[in-house]
C-alpha cells in the first residue's frame, strides 16, 4: 500500500460519496482516507479469496452505519482494484503491525459475559477458534456481532491459557489481546 493508492481510493470514495446528504460527517477528501486505507489493507491481505465489492460494502457499512449491498459497490470496487494493481513506494502504517496477519469471522460474542470467539479463515491456523474479550474494546458502544469480518494477529492469552486474537482497527493495533472492527470501524 502506498500514499498514492490511498489518495486515489479516497478520491473514488469522495466522487461516489456513499454518504449522500450525510456527507457533512466527511467534509473533505481527508475524511475518506481511513476507509480507503482499510479497504486497501483488507483487500491486500485477503487477495483473490475476497470479493472486492463485498469488502467495500462491509467497510463502508460498518464505518458509517450504512446498508450498501455488494452490487451497488461493484463499479467503485472495480476502480479500486485497478488502483491496487498499480505499484508505488510502500506506506508504513505502524511499526507494531509487523507480523502474521490473518482474517476471520466472529463466531459468537456474548455482550453480557464480555467475551466470544472468532473463527480463522485460513486452514493453517492452529486453533479453530480464538478468544475475543470485552476489555480490549476501545469504544464501549462497539458491538461485536456474529459474522463480523476481522483482521487479527493470534497471541497467547496467559489468563485463559489459550490463543487470543489481537484485532486490527483503524490502522493501529490495540495492546490488549483482541480488538474488533466496531460499528464505526476502521
N, C-alpha and C. Protein backbone atom coordinates (compact mmCIF):
# COMPACT_ATOMS: atom_id res chain seq x y z
N UNK A 1 0.85 -1.17 0.00
CA UNK A 1 0.00 0.00 0.00
C UNK A 1 0.90 1.23 0.00
N UNK A 2 0.54 2.23 -0.77
CA UNK A 2 1.32 3.46 -0.78
C UNK A 2 0.38 4.66 -0.73
N UNK A 3 0.95 5.83 -0.44
CA UNK A 3 0.17 7.06 -0.29
C UNK A 3 -0.65 7.39 -1.53
N UNK A 4 -0.06 7.16 -2.71
CA UNK A 4 -0.78 7.44 -3.95
C UNK A 4 -2.04 6.58 -4.06
N UNK A 5 -1.92 5.31 -3.67
CA UNK A 5 -3.07 4.42 -3.71
C UNK A 5 -4.14 4.87 -2.73
N UNK A 6 -3.73 5.24 -1.52
CA UNK A 6 -4.69 5.71 -0.52
C UNK A 6 -5.41 6.95 -1.04
N UNK A 7 -4.66 7.91 -1.59
CA UNK A 7 -5.27 9.12 -2.14
C UNK A 7 -6.23 8.79 -3.28
N UNK A 8 -5.82 7.90 -4.17
CA UNK A 8 -6.67 7.55 -5.32
C UNK A 8 -7.96 6.86 -4.87
N UNK A 9 -7.87 5.94 -3.91
CA UNK A 9 -9.07 5.26 -3.41
C UNK A 9 -9.96 6.25 -2.67
N UNK A 10 -9.36 7.16 -1.90
CA UNK A 10 -10.14 8.19 -1.20
C UNK A 10 -10.88 9.07 -2.21
N UNK A 11 -10.25 9.37 -3.34
CA UNK A 11 -10.91 10.17 -4.39
C UNK A 11 -12.08 9.41 -5.00
N UNK A 12 -11.92 8.10 -5.21
CA UNK A 12 -13.03 7.29 -5.73
C UNK A 12 -14.20 7.36 -4.75
N UNK A 13 -13.91 7.20 -3.45
CA UNK A 13 -14.98 7.25 -2.45
C UNK A 13 -15.62 8.63 -2.38
N UNK A 14 -14.81 9.69 -2.46
CA UNK A 14 -15.34 11.05 -2.39
C UNK A 14 -16.20 11.37 -3.61
N UNK A 15 -15.76 10.91 -4.79
CA UNK A 15 -16.53 11.14 -6.02
C UNK A 15 -17.86 10.40 -5.95
N UNK A 16 -17.82 9.18 -5.45
CA UNK A 16 -19.03 8.36 -5.32
C UNK A 16 -19.91 8.92 -4.21
N UNK A 17 -19.30 9.33 -3.09
CA UNK A 17 -19.97 9.86 -1.92
C UNK A 17 -21.12 8.97 -1.43
N UNK A 18 -20.79 7.80 -0.90
CA UNK A 18 -21.84 6.88 -0.44
C UNK A 18 -22.65 7.42 0.72
N UNK A 19 -22.16 8.47 1.39
CA UNK A 19 -22.92 9.05 2.48
C UNK A 19 -24.05 9.94 2.00
N UNK A 20 -23.99 10.36 0.74
CA UNK A 20 -25.05 11.22 0.21
C UNK A 20 -25.17 12.50 0.99
N UNK A 21 -26.40 12.80 1.44
CA UNK A 21 -26.62 14.06 2.16
C UNK A 21 -26.00 14.04 3.55
N UNK A 22 -25.62 12.88 4.04
CA UNK A 22 -24.97 12.80 5.36
C UNK A 22 -23.48 13.15 5.26
N UNK A 23 -23.05 13.64 4.11
CA UNK A 23 -21.63 13.91 3.87
C UNK A 23 -21.08 15.01 4.77
N UNK A 24 -21.93 15.66 5.54
CA UNK A 24 -21.43 16.65 6.49
C UNK A 24 -20.43 16.02 7.46
N UNK A 25 -20.60 14.71 7.70
CA UNK A 25 -19.68 14.00 8.58
C UNK A 25 -18.30 13.84 7.94
N UNK A 26 -18.25 13.82 6.63
CA UNK A 26 -17.00 13.68 5.90
C UNK A 26 -16.87 14.90 4.99
N UNK A 27 -16.42 16.03 5.56
CA UNK A 27 -16.46 17.29 4.84
C UNK A 27 -15.48 17.41 3.68
N UNK A 28 -14.44 16.60 3.68
CA UNK A 28 -13.47 16.73 2.61
C UNK A 28 -12.86 15.37 2.30
N UNK A 29 -11.98 15.35 1.34
CA UNK A 29 -11.34 14.12 0.90
C UNK A 29 -10.65 13.39 2.03
N UNK A 30 -10.04 14.13 2.93
CA UNK A 30 -9.31 13.51 4.04
C UNK A 30 -10.22 12.64 4.89
N UNK A 31 -11.53 12.92 4.89
CA UNK A 31 -12.46 12.14 5.67
C UNK A 31 -12.58 10.70 5.21
N UNK A 32 -12.25 10.42 3.98
CA UNK A 32 -12.34 9.06 3.45
C UNK A 32 -11.00 8.33 3.47
N UNK A 33 -9.94 8.96 3.95
CA UNK A 33 -8.62 8.32 3.94
C UNK A 33 -8.57 7.08 4.82
N UNK A 34 -9.22 7.12 5.95
CA UNK A 34 -9.20 5.96 6.85
C UNK A 34 -9.88 4.78 6.17
N UNK A 35 -11.05 5.02 5.60
CA UNK A 35 -11.77 3.94 4.93
C UNK A 35 -10.99 3.44 3.71
N UNK A 36 -10.36 4.37 2.98
CA UNK A 36 -9.55 3.97 1.83
C UNK A 36 -8.41 3.06 2.27
N UNK A 37 -7.71 3.43 3.33
CA UNK A 37 -6.63 2.59 3.85
C UNK A 37 -7.13 1.24 4.31
N UNK A 38 -8.28 1.22 4.94
CA UNK A 38 -8.85 -0.05 5.41
C UNK A 38 -9.23 -0.96 4.25
N UNK A 39 -9.80 -0.38 3.21
CA UNK A 39 -10.16 -1.17 2.03
C UNK A 39 -8.91 -1.75 1.39
N UNK A 40 -7.90 -0.92 1.19
CA UNK A 40 -6.66 -1.39 0.57
C UNK A 40 -6.01 -2.48 1.41
N UNK A 41 -5.88 -2.22 2.71
CA UNK A 41 -5.23 -3.18 3.60
C UNK A 41 -5.98 -4.51 3.59
N UNK A 42 -7.28 -4.47 3.71
CA UNK A 42 -8.08 -5.69 3.73
C UNK A 42 -8.01 -6.47 2.44
N UNK A 43 -8.10 -5.78 1.32
CA UNK A 43 -8.04 -6.48 0.03
C UNK A 43 -6.66 -7.07 -0.22
N UNK A 44 -5.61 -6.38 0.21
CA UNK A 44 -4.26 -6.93 0.00
C UNK A 44 -4.03 -8.15 0.87
N UNK A 45 -4.56 -8.16 2.08
CA UNK A 45 -4.39 -9.32 2.95
C UNK A 45 -5.19 -10.51 2.41
N UNK A 46 -6.42 -10.27 2.02
CA UNK A 46 -7.30 -11.36 1.59
C UNK A 46 -7.04 -11.80 0.16
N UNK A 47 -6.53 -10.90 -0.66
CA UNK A 47 -6.24 -11.26 -2.05
C UNK A 47 -7.47 -11.66 -2.82
N UNK A 48 -7.34 -12.68 -3.62
CA UNK A 48 -8.42 -13.09 -4.51
C UNK A 48 -9.52 -13.87 -3.82
N UNK A 49 -9.31 -14.25 -2.55
CA UNK A 49 -10.32 -15.03 -1.86
C UNK A 49 -11.49 -14.17 -1.37
N UNK A 50 -11.44 -12.88 -1.65
CA UNK A 50 -12.48 -11.97 -1.19
C UNK A 50 -13.03 -11.18 -2.36
N UNK A 51 -14.33 -11.07 -2.44
CA UNK A 51 -14.96 -10.25 -3.47
C UNK A 51 -14.78 -8.79 -3.09
N UNK A 52 -14.14 -8.02 -3.96
CA UNK A 52 -13.83 -6.62 -3.65
C UNK A 52 -15.09 -5.82 -3.37
N UNK A 53 -16.14 -6.03 -4.16
CA UNK A 53 -17.35 -5.24 -3.96
C UNK A 53 -18.00 -5.51 -2.60
N UNK A 54 -17.93 -6.76 -2.13
CA UNK A 54 -18.50 -7.08 -0.82
C UNK A 54 -17.67 -6.46 0.29
N UNK A 55 -16.34 -6.48 0.13
CA UNK A 55 -15.49 -5.89 1.16
C UNK A 55 -15.67 -4.38 1.22
N UNK A 56 -15.78 -3.72 0.07
CA UNK A 56 -16.02 -2.27 0.04
C UNK A 56 -17.33 -1.98 0.77
N UNK A 57 -18.36 -2.74 0.48
CA UNK A 57 -19.66 -2.56 1.16
C UNK A 57 -19.52 -2.77 2.66
N UNK A 58 -18.80 -3.82 3.08
CA UNK A 58 -18.62 -4.11 4.50
C UNK A 58 -17.92 -2.96 5.22
N UNK A 59 -16.82 -2.46 4.63
CA UNK A 59 -16.07 -1.37 5.26
C UNK A 59 -16.95 -0.14 5.42
N UNK A 60 -17.62 0.27 4.36
CA UNK A 60 -18.43 1.49 4.41
C UNK A 60 -19.66 1.32 5.30
N UNK A 61 -20.27 0.15 5.26
CA UNK A 61 -21.43 -0.10 6.13
C UNK A 61 -21.05 -0.02 7.59
N UNK A 62 -19.93 -0.62 7.95
CA UNK A 62 -19.52 -0.60 9.35
C UNK A 62 -19.00 0.77 9.76
N UNK A 63 -18.30 1.45 8.88
CA UNK A 63 -17.73 2.75 9.22
C UNK A 63 -18.79 3.83 9.39
N UNK A 64 -19.81 3.78 8.53
CA UNK A 64 -20.79 4.87 8.51
C UNK A 64 -22.22 4.42 8.81
N UNK A 65 -22.38 3.19 9.28
CA UNK A 65 -23.70 2.66 9.61
C UNK A 65 -24.65 2.76 8.41
N UNK A 66 -24.16 2.33 7.26
CA UNK A 66 -24.96 2.33 6.04
C UNK A 66 -25.51 0.93 5.80
N UNK A 67 -26.23 0.76 4.72
CA UNK A 67 -26.71 -0.58 4.35
C UNK A 67 -26.52 -0.79 2.84
N UNK A 68 -25.30 -0.57 2.38
CA UNK A 68 -24.98 -0.77 0.96
C UNK A 68 -24.90 -2.26 0.67
N UNK A 69 -25.30 -2.65 -0.53
CA UNK A 69 -25.11 -4.05 -0.93
C UNK A 69 -23.92 -4.12 -1.90
N UNK A 70 -23.43 -5.33 -2.08
CA UNK A 70 -22.25 -5.53 -2.92
C UNK A 70 -22.49 -5.03 -4.34
N UNK A 71 -23.68 -5.24 -4.87
CA UNK A 71 -23.98 -4.86 -6.25
C UNK A 71 -23.84 -3.35 -6.45
N UNK A 72 -24.28 -2.56 -5.48
CA UNK A 72 -24.16 -1.10 -5.62
C UNK A 72 -22.72 -0.63 -5.55
N UNK A 73 -21.84 -1.47 -5.01
CA UNK A 73 -20.42 -1.11 -4.86
C UNK A 73 -19.56 -1.60 -6.03
N UNK A 74 -20.11 -2.42 -6.91
CA UNK A 74 -19.34 -3.06 -7.97
C UNK A 74 -18.55 -2.08 -8.84
N UNK A 75 -19.16 -1.02 -9.41
CA UNK A 75 -18.36 -0.14 -10.27
C UNK A 75 -17.21 0.54 -9.53
N UNK A 76 -17.44 0.89 -8.28
CA UNK A 76 -16.42 1.57 -7.49
C UNK A 76 -15.34 0.58 -7.07
N UNK A 77 -15.74 -0.63 -6.76
CA UNK A 77 -14.77 -1.67 -6.39
C UNK A 77 -13.85 -1.98 -7.56
N UNK A 78 -14.37 -1.97 -8.78
CA UNK A 78 -13.53 -2.21 -9.96
C UNK A 78 -12.49 -1.11 -10.10
N UNK A 79 -12.88 0.14 -9.84
CA UNK A 79 -11.91 1.25 -9.89
C UNK A 79 -10.83 1.05 -8.82
N UNK A 80 -11.25 0.63 -7.65
CA UNK A 80 -10.31 0.43 -6.54
C UNK A 80 -9.33 -0.70 -6.86
N UNK A 81 -9.83 -1.80 -7.40
CA UNK A 81 -8.95 -2.93 -7.75
C UNK A 81 -7.94 -2.49 -8.80
N UNK A 82 -8.35 -1.67 -9.76
CA UNK A 82 -7.42 -1.16 -10.78
C UNK A 82 -6.33 -0.31 -10.12
N UNK A 83 -6.70 0.47 -9.12
CA UNK A 83 -5.72 1.29 -8.40
C UNK A 83 -4.72 0.40 -7.67
N UNK A 84 -5.22 -0.69 -7.07
CA UNK A 84 -4.35 -1.58 -6.30
C UNK A 84 -3.34 -2.30 -7.17
N UNK A 85 -3.64 -2.45 -8.43
CA UNK A 85 -2.69 -3.12 -9.33
C UNK A 85 -1.50 -2.24 -9.66
N UNK A 86 -1.61 -0.95 -9.39
CA UNK A 86 -0.50 -0.03 -9.64
C UNK A 86 0.51 -0.14 -8.50
N UNK A 87 1.77 0.00 -8.83
CA UNK A 87 2.84 -0.09 -7.83
C UNK A 87 3.32 1.31 -7.47
N UNK A 88 3.90 1.43 -6.33
CA UNK A 88 4.45 2.70 -5.88
C UNK A 88 5.23 2.48 -4.59
N UNK A 89 5.75 3.54 -4.00
CA UNK A 89 6.50 3.38 -2.75
C UNK A 89 5.58 2.87 -1.65
N UNK A 90 6.12 2.03 -0.81
CA UNK A 90 5.32 1.43 0.27
C UNK A 90 5.00 2.47 1.34
N UNK A 91 3.83 2.32 1.92
CA UNK A 91 3.41 3.17 3.02
C UNK A 91 3.54 2.36 4.30
N UNK A 92 4.33 2.85 5.24
CA UNK A 92 4.49 2.14 6.51
C UNK A 92 3.46 2.71 7.48
N UNK A 93 2.43 1.92 7.74
CA UNK A 93 1.31 2.42 8.54
C UNK A 93 1.65 2.48 10.03
N UNK A 94 2.27 1.44 10.57
CA UNK A 94 2.53 1.39 12.00
C UNK A 94 3.53 0.27 12.23
N UNK A 95 4.61 0.56 12.93
CA UNK A 95 5.63 -0.46 13.11
C UNK A 95 5.12 -1.64 13.92
N UNK A 96 4.11 -1.45 14.74
CA UNK A 96 3.58 -2.56 15.52
C UNK A 96 2.72 -3.50 14.67
N UNK A 97 2.52 -3.18 13.40
CA UNK A 97 1.73 -4.04 12.52
C UNK A 97 2.55 -5.17 11.94
N UNK A 98 3.88 -5.16 12.12
CA UNK A 98 4.69 -6.24 11.57
C UNK A 98 4.25 -7.54 12.19
N UNK A 99 4.14 -8.57 11.39
CA UNK A 99 3.76 -9.86 11.94
C UNK A 99 2.87 -10.63 11.00
N UNK A 100 2.29 -11.66 11.55
CA UNK A 100 1.50 -12.58 10.78
C UNK A 100 0.02 -12.24 10.89
N UNK A 101 -0.54 -11.61 9.87
CA UNK A 101 -1.93 -11.21 9.87
C UNK A 101 -2.79 -12.36 9.35
N UNK A 102 -3.97 -12.44 9.89
CA UNK A 102 -4.95 -13.42 9.43
C UNK A 102 -6.31 -12.75 9.41
N UNK A 103 -7.24 -13.40 8.79
CA UNK A 103 -8.60 -12.88 8.79
C UNK A 103 -9.53 -13.95 9.33
N UNK A 104 -10.66 -13.50 9.83
CA UNK A 104 -11.62 -14.44 10.38
C UNK A 104 -12.98 -13.80 10.53
N UNK A 105 -13.86 -14.53 11.17
CA UNK A 105 -15.24 -14.11 11.35
C UNK A 105 -15.63 -14.31 12.81
N UNK A 106 -16.37 -13.35 13.36
CA UNK A 106 -16.86 -13.51 14.72
C UNK A 106 -17.84 -14.68 14.72
N UNK A 107 -17.52 -15.70 15.50
CA UNK A 107 -18.35 -16.89 15.61
C UNK A 107 -19.52 -16.61 16.53
N UNK A 108 -19.17 -16.13 17.71
CA UNK A 108 -20.17 -15.82 18.72
C UNK A 108 -19.58 -14.77 19.65
N UNK A 109 -20.42 -13.88 20.14
CA UNK A 109 -19.98 -12.92 21.14
C UNK A 109 -21.14 -12.66 22.09
N UNK A 110 -20.91 -12.87 23.38
CA UNK A 110 -21.92 -12.65 24.40
C UNK A 110 -21.59 -11.35 25.10
N UNK A 111 -22.38 -10.32 24.84
CA UNK A 111 -22.10 -9.00 25.39
C UNK A 111 -22.21 -9.00 26.92
N UNK A 112 -23.15 -9.76 27.46
CA UNK A 112 -23.30 -9.81 28.92
C UNK A 112 -22.09 -10.47 29.58
N UNK A 113 -21.61 -11.54 29.00
CA UNK A 113 -20.44 -12.23 29.55
C UNK A 113 -19.15 -11.48 29.23
N UNK A 114 -19.14 -10.72 28.13
CA UNK A 114 -17.98 -9.92 27.79
C UNK A 114 -16.91 -10.62 26.98
N UNK A 115 -17.25 -11.75 26.38
CA UNK A 115 -16.27 -12.42 25.55
C UNK A 115 -16.97 -13.24 24.47
N UNK A 116 -16.18 -13.70 23.52
CA UNK A 116 -16.68 -14.54 22.45
C UNK A 116 -15.51 -15.14 21.71
N UNK A 117 -15.78 -15.64 20.51
CA UNK A 117 -14.75 -16.31 19.72
C UNK A 117 -14.86 -15.91 18.26
N UNK A 118 -13.70 -15.91 17.60
CA UNK A 118 -13.68 -15.75 16.15
C UNK A 118 -13.14 -17.03 15.53
N UNK A 119 -13.59 -17.31 14.30
CA UNK A 119 -13.08 -18.47 13.55
C UNK A 119 -12.11 -17.96 12.50
N UNK A 120 -10.90 -18.52 12.47
CA UNK A 120 -9.93 -18.14 11.43
C UNK A 120 -10.39 -18.62 10.05
N UNK A 121 -10.08 -17.85 9.02
CA UNK A 121 -10.41 -18.25 7.66
C UNK A 121 -9.40 -19.25 7.09
N UNK A 122 -8.16 -19.11 7.52
CA UNK A 122 -7.10 -19.92 6.93
C UNK A 122 -6.98 -21.28 7.61
N UNK A 123 -6.90 -22.36 6.83
CA UNK A 123 -6.80 -23.69 7.42
C UNK A 123 -5.50 -23.94 8.17
N UNK A 124 -4.45 -23.15 7.92
CA UNK A 124 -3.18 -23.38 8.62
C UNK A 124 -3.18 -22.81 10.03
N UNK A 125 -4.24 -22.10 10.41
CA UNK A 125 -4.31 -21.61 11.78
C UNK A 125 -4.33 -22.79 12.74
N UNK A 126 -3.64 -22.62 13.89
CA UNK A 126 -3.51 -23.71 14.86
C UNK A 126 -4.83 -24.03 15.54
N UNK A 127 -5.64 -23.04 15.77
CA UNK A 127 -6.88 -23.24 16.51
C UNK A 127 -8.07 -23.01 15.60
N UNK A 128 -9.17 -23.69 15.90
CA UNK A 128 -10.37 -23.46 15.11
C UNK A 128 -11.17 -22.28 15.65
N UNK A 129 -10.72 -21.72 16.79
CA UNK A 129 -11.35 -20.52 17.32
C UNK A 129 -10.36 -19.77 18.19
N UNK A 130 -10.58 -18.46 18.27
CA UNK A 130 -9.72 -17.58 19.07
C UNK A 130 -10.60 -16.72 19.98
N UNK A 131 -10.16 -16.52 21.19
CA UNK A 131 -10.87 -15.74 22.19
C UNK A 131 -10.89 -14.26 21.81
N UNK A 132 -12.02 -13.61 22.04
CA UNK A 132 -12.17 -12.16 21.90
C UNK A 132 -12.78 -11.68 23.21
N UNK A 133 -12.15 -10.70 23.89
CA UNK A 133 -12.62 -10.25 25.20
C UNK A 133 -13.00 -8.78 25.20
N UNK A 134 -13.99 -8.43 25.99
CA UNK A 134 -14.51 -7.06 26.07
C UNK A 134 -13.46 -6.04 26.50
N UNK A 135 -12.51 -6.43 27.34
CA UNK A 135 -11.55 -5.46 27.89
C UNK A 135 -10.73 -4.78 26.79
N UNK A 136 -10.73 -5.35 25.62
CA UNK A 136 -9.93 -4.76 24.55
C UNK A 136 -10.72 -3.82 23.65
N UNK A 137 -12.00 -3.68 23.87
CA UNK A 137 -12.80 -2.80 23.01
C UNK A 137 -12.50 -1.35 23.35
N UNK A 138 -12.13 -0.60 22.35
CA UNK A 138 -11.75 0.80 22.53
C UNK A 138 -12.95 1.66 22.90
N UNK A 139 -14.05 1.41 22.26
CA UNK A 139 -15.25 2.21 22.44
C UNK A 139 -16.31 1.36 23.12
N UNK A 140 -16.87 1.80 24.24
CA UNK A 140 -17.87 0.99 24.93
C UNK A 140 -19.13 0.77 24.10
N UNK A 141 -19.35 1.60 23.08
CA UNK A 141 -20.51 1.41 22.20
C UNK A 141 -20.26 0.40 21.10
N UNK A 142 -19.04 -0.10 21.02
CA UNK A 142 -18.69 -1.07 19.99
C UNK A 142 -19.51 -2.34 20.18
N UNK A 143 -20.05 -2.81 19.08
CA UNK A 143 -20.83 -4.05 19.13
C UNK A 143 -20.11 -5.12 18.33
N UNK A 144 -19.80 -6.21 18.97
CA UNK A 144 -19.30 -7.38 18.25
C UNK A 144 -20.51 -8.23 17.93
N UNK A 145 -20.62 -8.59 16.68
CA UNK A 145 -21.78 -9.38 16.27
C UNK A 145 -21.32 -10.57 15.48
N UNK A 146 -22.12 -11.62 15.57
CA UNK A 146 -21.83 -12.82 14.80
C UNK A 146 -21.72 -12.46 13.32
N UNK A 147 -20.75 -13.04 12.66
CA UNK A 147 -20.49 -12.88 11.22
C UNK A 147 -19.71 -11.62 10.87
N UNK A 148 -19.31 -10.76 11.86
CA UNK A 148 -18.44 -9.62 11.55
C UNK A 148 -17.11 -10.15 11.04
N UNK A 149 -16.56 -9.51 10.00
CA UNK A 149 -15.25 -9.87 9.45
C UNK A 149 -14.18 -9.12 10.23
N UNK A 150 -13.08 -9.78 10.53
CA UNK A 150 -12.00 -9.16 11.29
C UNK A 150 -10.64 -9.53 10.70
N UNK A 151 -9.66 -8.67 10.96
CA UNK A 151 -8.26 -8.94 10.65
C UNK A 151 -7.57 -8.98 12.00
N UNK A 152 -6.76 -10.01 12.24
CA UNK A 152 -6.20 -10.17 13.57
C UNK A 152 -4.81 -10.78 13.54
N UNK A 153 -4.20 -10.77 14.70
CA UNK A 153 -2.92 -11.41 14.94
C UNK A 153 -3.13 -12.31 16.16
N UNK A 154 -2.81 -13.59 16.04
CA UNK A 154 -3.01 -14.52 17.15
C UNK A 154 -1.93 -14.34 18.20
N UNK A 155 -2.35 -14.36 19.45
CA UNK A 155 -1.43 -14.24 20.59
C UNK A 155 -1.87 -15.23 21.65
N UNK A 156 -0.99 -15.49 22.59
CA UNK A 156 -1.32 -16.38 23.70
C UNK A 156 -1.89 -15.55 24.85
N UNK A 157 -3.06 -15.94 25.35
CA UNK A 157 -3.68 -15.27 26.49
C UNK A 157 -3.29 -16.04 27.74
N UNK A 158 -2.40 -15.47 28.55
CA UNK A 158 -1.88 -16.19 29.72
C UNK A 158 -2.95 -16.47 30.77
N UNK A 159 -3.98 -15.62 30.85
CA UNK A 159 -5.02 -15.84 31.84
C UNK A 159 -5.91 -17.02 31.46
N UNK A 160 -6.21 -17.14 30.19
CA UNK A 160 -7.11 -18.20 29.73
C UNK A 160 -6.36 -19.43 29.21
N UNK A 161 -5.03 -19.30 29.10
CA UNK A 161 -4.20 -20.40 28.59
C UNK A 161 -4.68 -20.91 27.23
N UNK A 162 -5.02 -19.97 26.36
CA UNK A 162 -5.43 -20.33 25.01
C UNK A 162 -5.05 -19.20 24.06
N UNK A 163 -5.21 -19.46 22.77
CA UNK A 163 -4.92 -18.43 21.78
C UNK A 163 -5.98 -17.34 21.87
N UNK A 164 -5.55 -16.10 21.75
CA UNK A 164 -6.47 -14.96 21.73
C UNK A 164 -6.14 -14.14 20.50
N UNK A 165 -7.08 -13.33 20.08
CA UNK A 165 -6.89 -12.50 18.88
C UNK A 165 -6.66 -11.06 19.28
N UNK A 166 -5.67 -10.44 18.66
CA UNK A 166 -5.49 -9.00 18.76
C UNK A 166 -5.93 -8.48 17.41
N UNK A 167 -7.06 -7.80 17.37
CA UNK A 167 -7.67 -7.42 16.10
C UNK A 167 -7.21 -6.05 15.65
N UNK A 168 -7.20 -5.87 14.34
CA UNK A 168 -6.74 -4.65 13.70
C UNK A 168 -7.91 -3.68 13.60
N UNK A 169 -7.71 -2.45 14.06
CA UNK A 169 -8.77 -1.46 13.99
C UNK A 169 -8.22 -0.10 13.59
N UNK A 170 -8.76 0.47 12.57
CA UNK A 170 -8.45 1.83 12.15
C UNK A 170 -6.96 2.14 12.06
N UNK A 171 -6.20 1.23 11.44
CA UNK A 171 -4.80 1.49 11.18
C UNK A 171 -3.87 1.32 12.37
N UNK A 172 -4.35 0.78 13.47
CA UNK A 172 -3.46 0.58 14.59
C UNK A 172 -3.85 -0.66 15.38
N UNK A 173 -2.86 -1.25 16.02
CA UNK A 173 -3.11 -2.42 16.86
C UNK A 173 -3.41 -1.97 18.26
N UNK A 174 -4.28 -2.69 18.93
CA UNK A 174 -4.55 -2.46 20.35
C UNK A 174 -3.54 -3.27 21.17
N UNK A 175 -3.23 -2.84 22.36
CA UNK A 175 -2.31 -3.57 23.22
C UNK A 175 -2.96 -4.78 23.84
N UNK A 176 -4.28 -4.72 24.03
CA UNK A 176 -4.97 -5.85 24.64
C UNK A 176 -4.97 -7.04 23.68
N UNK A 177 -5.49 -8.14 24.14
CA UNK A 177 -5.45 -9.36 23.36
C UNK A 177 -6.32 -9.35 22.12
N UNK A 178 -7.37 -8.57 22.10
CA UNK A 178 -8.25 -8.62 20.94
C UNK A 178 -8.94 -7.30 20.70
N UNK A 179 -9.28 -7.06 19.46
CA UNK A 179 -9.98 -5.85 19.07
C UNK A 179 -10.75 -6.13 17.79
N UNK A 180 -11.98 -5.70 17.72
CA UNK A 180 -12.85 -5.96 16.58
C UNK A 180 -13.13 -4.66 15.86
N UNK A 181 -13.41 -4.77 14.59
CA UNK A 181 -13.90 -3.61 13.88
C UNK A 181 -15.19 -3.19 14.56
N UNK A 182 -15.26 -2.01 15.16
CA UNK A 182 -16.52 -1.61 15.79
C UNK A 182 -17.54 -1.18 14.75
N UNK A 183 -18.72 -0.83 15.21
CA UNK A 183 -19.77 -0.42 14.31
C UNK A 183 -19.28 0.73 13.42
N UNK A 184 -18.60 1.71 14.00
CA UNK A 184 -17.94 2.76 13.21
C UNK A 184 -16.49 2.37 13.15
N UNK A 185 -16.18 1.41 12.29
CA UNK A 185 -14.88 0.77 12.34
C UNK A 185 -13.89 1.39 11.40
N UNK A 186 -12.71 0.84 11.51
CA UNK A 186 -11.58 1.10 10.64
C UNK A 186 -11.37 2.50 10.19
